[in-house]
Amino acid sequence: MLQVKSVGKVYEGKVAYRALTNINLEIDKGEFVGVMGPSGSGKTTLLNIISTIDDPTTGEVLIEGENPHQLNRNQLAQFRRRELGFVFQDFNLLHTLTVEENIVLPLTLDGVRVKDMREKAQAIADKLGIAHILNKRIYEISGGQAQRVAVARAMIHQPKLLLADEPTGNLDSKASKDVMGMLGKLNEEEKTTMMLVTHDPQAASYANRVIFIRDGKLYSEIHRGDNRQTFFQQIIDTLSLMGGDDNDFSSVRPS
């Protein structure tokens, strides 16, 4: 579904900075993959290249066999809107709009009929447990609810790939657990392919496997198996072997 082939990234400047070196990675359809590493390891750069926000210096990214970096500007905008879903740490919601208006924004840009938009918004809001707040403004809801709205907006057009960058970064532990449980459920039920960049071992423990990056290179990867508690401990152990600043990683235990 997603292939990252020999991807490297160098930022030019007075002193050139190599953010990624020879990254090879494959994600199968329906997989839920976490990406972890210390600050400055290159994980957000990798996410930005996959999401077409940034271009690779070397190598290529293929999404279902297509290289989106070769599309022209209009084609790329359409590709992002239709094939990719994005969830960010700071929600990126529009405060002047209602919850429902935020959710249907991607469909509005594609000219979908209002009746169809409302039906789709209702269906996904029911699934994510936010149907009762559809008419509220963003400033009237909690952080956990706001992140659910952001997930609903990212999922409403049924993207092939959902990309999440620190989606629990601004949430307390309960809201974080709720949002990650919801993403895990969406992955299982909708078979949506997901890639999650996170500092939080608890959030990462919801993935099927976790890839670790250090100094712009792939460091290791581990697979979940049946027990999330055991997987969480393996994540903690791998992070401690990698080193890095203790403040880089949250140490909340899963429950």
Protein backbone atom coordinates (compact mmCIF):
# COMPACT_ATOMS: atom_id res chain seq x y z
CA MET A 1 0.00 0.00 0.00
CA LEU A 2 2.80 2.37 1.04
CA GLN A 3 6.39 1.94 -0.11
CA VAL A 4 9.23 4.20 0.96
CA LYS A 5 12.26 3.39 -1.20
CA SER A 6 15.77 4.57 -0.28
CA VAL A 7 14.45 7.93 0.88
CA GLY A 8 16.93 10.55 2.02
CA LYS A 9 16.40 14.18 2.96
CA VAL A 10 19.00 16.93 3.11
CA TYR A 11 18.08 20.48 4.09
CA GLU A 12 20.37 22.96 2.37
CA GLY A 13 21.63 26.00 4.22
CA LYS A 14 24.89 27.50 5.41
CA VAL A 15 25.48 24.04 6.83
CA ALA A 16 23.60 21.24 5.05
CA TYR A 17 21.64 19.07 7.46
CA ARG A 18 20.86 15.43 6.66
CA ALA A 19 17.50 14.61 8.25
CA LEU A 20 16.98 11.13 6.75
CA THR A 21 19.35 8.54 5.29
CA ASN A 22 18.30 5.64 3.04
CA ILE A 23 14.91 4.88 4.63
CA ASN A 24 13.20 1.75 3.28
CA LEU A 25 9.76 0.96 4.62
CA GLU A 26 6.61 -0.85 3.54
CA ILE A 27 3.16 -0.63 5.10
CA ASP A 28 0.50 -3.11 4.01
CA LYS A 29 -3.14 -2.23 3.42
CA GLY A 30 -5.02 -2.17 6.73
CA GLU A 31 -1.87 -2.02 8.88
CA PHE A 32 -1.51 0.34 11.85
CA VAL A 33 2.14 1.39 12.20
CA GLY A 34 3.70 3.59 14.87
CA VAL A 35 6.90 5.60 14.32
CA MET A 36 9.00 6.59 17.33
CA GLY A 37 12.36 8.19 17.99
CA PRO A 38 13.98 10.98 20.03
CA SER A 39 13.40 14.63 19.11
CA GLY A 40 15.28 15.44 15.92
CA SER A 41 15.43 11.77 14.85
CA GLY A 42 13.67 12.47 11.54
CA LYS A 43 10.27 10.91 12.23
CA THR A 44 8.26 14.07 11.45
CA THR A 45 10.38 14.65 8.32
CA LEU A 46 9.46 11.12 7.21
CA LEU A 47 5.77 11.79 7.86
CA ASN A 48 5.97 15.09 5.95
CA ILE A 49 7.54 13.35 2.94
CA ILE A 50 4.92 10.58 2.93
CA SER A 51 2.16 13.18 3.26
CA THR A 52 3.67 15.19 0.34
CA ILE A 53 4.16 18.28 2.55
CA ASP A 54 7.89 17.89 1.85
CA ASP A 55 9.83 16.29 -1.04
CA PRO A 56 12.55 13.67 -0.63
CA THR A 57 16.07 14.64 -1.75
CA THR A 58 16.70 11.05 -2.89
CA GLY A 59 14.51 7.98 -3.28
CA GLU A 60 10.76 7.81 -3.80
CA VAL A 61 7.44 7.27 -2.05
CA LEU A 62 4.72 5.14 -3.67
CA ILE A 63 1.12 5.05 -2.44
CA GLU A 64 -0.71 2.20 -4.14
CA GLY A 65 1.97 2.25 -6.84
CA GLU A 66 1.66 5.98 -7.54
CA ASN A 67 4.34 8.55 -6.74
CA PRO A 68 2.40 11.63 -5.55
CA HIS A 69 5.56 13.75 -5.69
CA GLN A 70 5.38 13.60 -9.50
CA LEU A 71 1.88 15.12 -9.65
CA ASN A 72 1.31 18.74 -10.62
CA ARG A 73 -0.02 21.20 -8.08
CA ASN A 74 -3.72 20.69 -8.81
CA GLN A 75 -3.41 16.91 -9.02
CA LEU A 76 -1.48 16.88 -5.74
CA ALA A 77 -4.12 18.96 -3.94
CA GLN A 78 -6.79 16.53 -5.13
CA PHE A 79 -4.64 13.50 -4.17
CA ARG A 80 -4.14 14.82 -0.64
CA ARG A 81 -7.81 15.62 -0.25
CA ARG A 82 -9.10 12.29 -1.53
CA GLU A 83 -6.45 9.70 -0.69
CA LEU A 84 -4.95 10.97 2.58
CA GLY A 85 -6.34 11.85 6.00
CA PHE A 86 -4.44 14.02 8.49
CA VAL A 87 -4.71 14.26 12.27
CA PHE A 88 -2.48 16.76 14.11
CA GLN A 89 -1.50 17.46 17.71
CA ASP A 90 -3.20 20.88 17.72
CA PHE A 91 -6.40 19.59 15.98
CA ASN A 92 -6.27 22.29 13.22
CA LEU A 93 -10.02 22.88 13.51
CA LEU A 94 -11.75 26.14 12.56
CA HIS A 95 -13.20 27.73 15.70
CA THR A 96 -15.77 29.84 13.84
CA LEU A 97 -17.44 26.70 12.44
CA THR A 98 -19.61 24.11 14.17
CA VAL A 99 -18.39 20.55 14.75
CA GLU A 100 -20.47 19.36 11.78
CA GLU A 101 -19.12 22.10 9.49
CA ASN A 102 -15.55 21.18 10.44
CA ILE A 103 -16.17 17.49 9.75
CA VAL A 104 -17.60 18.05 6.26
CA LEU A 105 -14.92 20.52 5.17
CA PRO A 106 -13.09 18.05 2.84
CA LEU A 107 -16.42 17.23 1.15
CA THR A 108 -17.30 20.91 0.76
CA LEU A 109 -14.08 21.41 -1.24
CA ASP A 110 -15.12 18.54 -3.52
CA GLY A 111 -18.60 20.00 -4.13
CA VAL A 112 -20.56 17.16 -2.49
CA ARG A 113 -24.31 17.84 -2.05
CA VAL A 114 -25.32 19.22 1.36
CA LYS A 115 -27.76 16.36 2.02
CA ASP A 116 -25.04 13.76 1.35
CA MET A 117 -22.56 15.65 3.51
CA ARG A 118 -24.95 15.77 6.45
CA GLU A 119 -25.67 12.05 6.18
CA LYS A 120 -21.97 11.20 6.09
CA ALA A 121 -21.23 13.53 9.02
CA GLN A 122 -24.02 11.95 11.08
CA ALA A 123 -22.78 8.42 10.31
CA ILE A 124 -19.18 9.08 11.31
CA ALA A 125 -20.20 11.18 14.34
CA ASP A 126 -22.32 8.24 15.55
CA LYS A 127 -19.37 5.91 15.10
CA LEU A 128 -16.98 8.21 17.00
CA GLY A 129 -19.42 9.11 19.79
CA ILE A 130 -19.70 12.82 18.97
CA ALA A 131 -23.21 12.98 17.41
CA HIS A 132 -24.50 14.95 20.44
CA ILE A 133 -22.07 17.84 19.83
CA LEU A 134 -22.51 18.31 16.05
CA ASN A 135 -24.07 21.77 16.49
CA LYS A 136 -21.55 23.06 19.04
CA ARG A 137 -18.68 25.39 18.20
CA ILE A 138 -15.13 24.13 18.69
CA TYR A 139 -14.50 26.42 21.69
CA GLU A 140 -17.46 24.78 23.47
CA ILE A 141 -16.01 21.25 23.49
CA SER A 142 -13.18 19.46 25.34
CA GLY A 143 -9.75 18.61 23.91
CA GLY A 144 -10.63 14.93 23.66
CA GLN A 145 -13.82 15.76 21.78
CA ALA A 146 -11.92 18.16 19.51
CA GLN A 147 -9.47 15.40 18.57
CA ARG A 148 -12.40 13.08 17.78
CA VAL A 149 -13.78 15.81 15.52
CA ALA A 150 -10.37 16.05 13.83
CA VAL A 151 -10.37 12.27 13.29
CA ALA A 152 -13.93 12.45 11.89
CA ARG A 153 -12.86 15.17 9.46
CA ALA A 154 -9.81 13.09 8.42
CA MET A 155 -11.95 9.97 7.87
CA ILE A 156 -15.10 11.39 6.25
CA HIS A 157 -13.84 10.88 2.69
CA GLN A 158 -12.59 7.34 3.54
CA PRO A 159 -8.90 7.98 2.82
CA LYS A 160 -6.59 5.14 1.84
CA LEU A 161 -4.01 6.31 4.37
CA LEU A 162 -4.50 8.13 7.68
CA LEU A 163 -1.43 10.03 8.94
CA ALA A 164 -1.39 11.12 12.58
CA ASP A 165 1.30 13.40 14.02
CA GLU A 166 1.34 13.32 17.86
CA PRO A 167 -2.49 13.12 18.01
CA THR A 168 -2.45 12.72 21.81
CA GLY A 169 0.17 15.42 22.45
CA ASN A 170 -2.31 17.96 23.85
CA LEU A 171 -4.58 15.49 25.67
CA ASP A 172 -4.70 14.22 29.26
CA SER A 173 -4.20 10.50 29.83
CA LYS A 174 -7.91 9.59 29.78
CA ALA A 175 -8.66 11.55 26.59
CA SER A 176 -5.48 10.15 25.05
CA LYS A 177 -6.57 6.60 25.85
CA ASP A 178 -10.05 7.28 24.41
CA VAL A 179 -8.68 8.71 21.16
CA MET A 180 -6.15 5.90 20.66
CA GLY A 181 -8.78 3.26 21.45
CA MET A 182 -11.00 4.90 18.84
CA LEU A 183 -8.20 4.93 16.22
CA GLY A 184 -7.48 1.26 16.98
CA LYS A 185 -11.16 0.43 16.52
CA LEU A 186 -11.35 2.38 13.24
CA ASN A 187 -8.33 0.47 11.98
CA GLU A 188 -9.90 -2.87 12.88
CA GLU A 189 -13.41 -2.14 11.61
CA GLU A 190 -12.74 0.06 8.57
CA LYS A 191 -9.37 -1.53 7.67
CA THR A 192 -7.96 2.00 7.26
CA THR A 193 -4.19 1.99 6.86
CA MET A 194 -2.70 4.20 9.59
CA MET A 195 0.70 5.69 10.35
CA LEU A 196 1.18 7.32 13.75
CA VAL A 197 4.16 9.46 14.76
CA THR A 198 4.34 9.75 18.54
CA HIS A 199 6.56 10.25 21.59
CA ASP A 200 4.05 8.39 23.75
CA PRO A 201 4.67 4.66 24.34
CA GLN A 202 1.07 4.20 25.43
CA ALA A 203 -0.24 5.64 22.15
CA ALA A 204 2.28 3.56 20.17
CA SER A 205 1.14 0.37 21.92
CA TYR A 206 -2.15 0.52 19.96
CA ALA A 207 -0.27 -0.03 16.67
CA ASN A 208 0.37 -3.45 15.06
CA ARG A 209 4.07 -2.66 14.92
CA VAL A 210 6.37 0.20 15.84
CA ILE A 211 9.31 1.42 13.78
CA PHE A 212 12.10 3.26 15.60
CA ILE A 213 14.21 5.98 13.95
CA ARG A 214 17.42 7.44 15.34
CA ASP A 215 19.65 10.06 13.68
CA GLY A 216 17.64 9.84 10.47
CA LYS A 217 18.09 6.07 10.06
CA LEU A 218 15.90 3.08 10.77
CA TYR A 219 16.99 1.69 14.14
CA SER A 220 14.67 -1.30 14.70
CA GLU A 221 11.06 -2.45 14.64
CA ILE A 222 8.89 -4.57 16.90
CA HIS A 223 5.52 -6.28 16.41
CA ARG A 224 2.65 -6.34 18.85
CA GLY A 225 1.34 -9.89 19.08
CA ASP A 226 -1.63 -10.55 21.39
CA ASN A 227 -0.72 -8.68 24.57
CA ARG A 228 -0.66 -4.86 24.51
CA GLN A 229 0.88 -4.64 28.00
CA THR A 230 3.83 -6.79 26.87
CA PHE A 231 4.16 -4.73 23.68
CA PHE A 232 4.15 -1.52 25.73
CA GLN A 233 7.04 -2.89 27.83
CA GLN A 234 8.97 -3.83 24.67
CA ILE A 235 8.50 -0.27 23.40
CA ILE A 236 9.84 1.15 26.70
CA ASP A 237 12.81 -1.25 26.58
CA THR A 238 13.65 -0.30 22.98
CA LEU A 239 13.44 3.42 23.77
CA SER A 240 15.79 3.01 26.73
CA LEU A 241 18.27 1.11 24.53
CA MET A 242 18.11 3.93 21.95
CA GLY A 243 19.00 6.54 24.52
CA GLY A 244 17.97 10.15 23.97
CA ASP A 245 16.64 12.69 26.41
CA ASP A 246 14.32 11.24 29.06
CA ASN A 247 11.97 14.14 28.45
CA ASP A 248 11.51 12.95 24.87
CA PHE A 249 9.19 10.18 25.90
CA SER A 250 6.10 10.02 28.03
CA SER A 251 6.18 7.18 30.55
CA VAL A 252 2.46 6.78 31.22
CA ARG A 253 1.64 3.11 31.76
CA PRO A 254 -1.15 1.59 29.68
CA SER A 255 -4.30 0.51 31.44
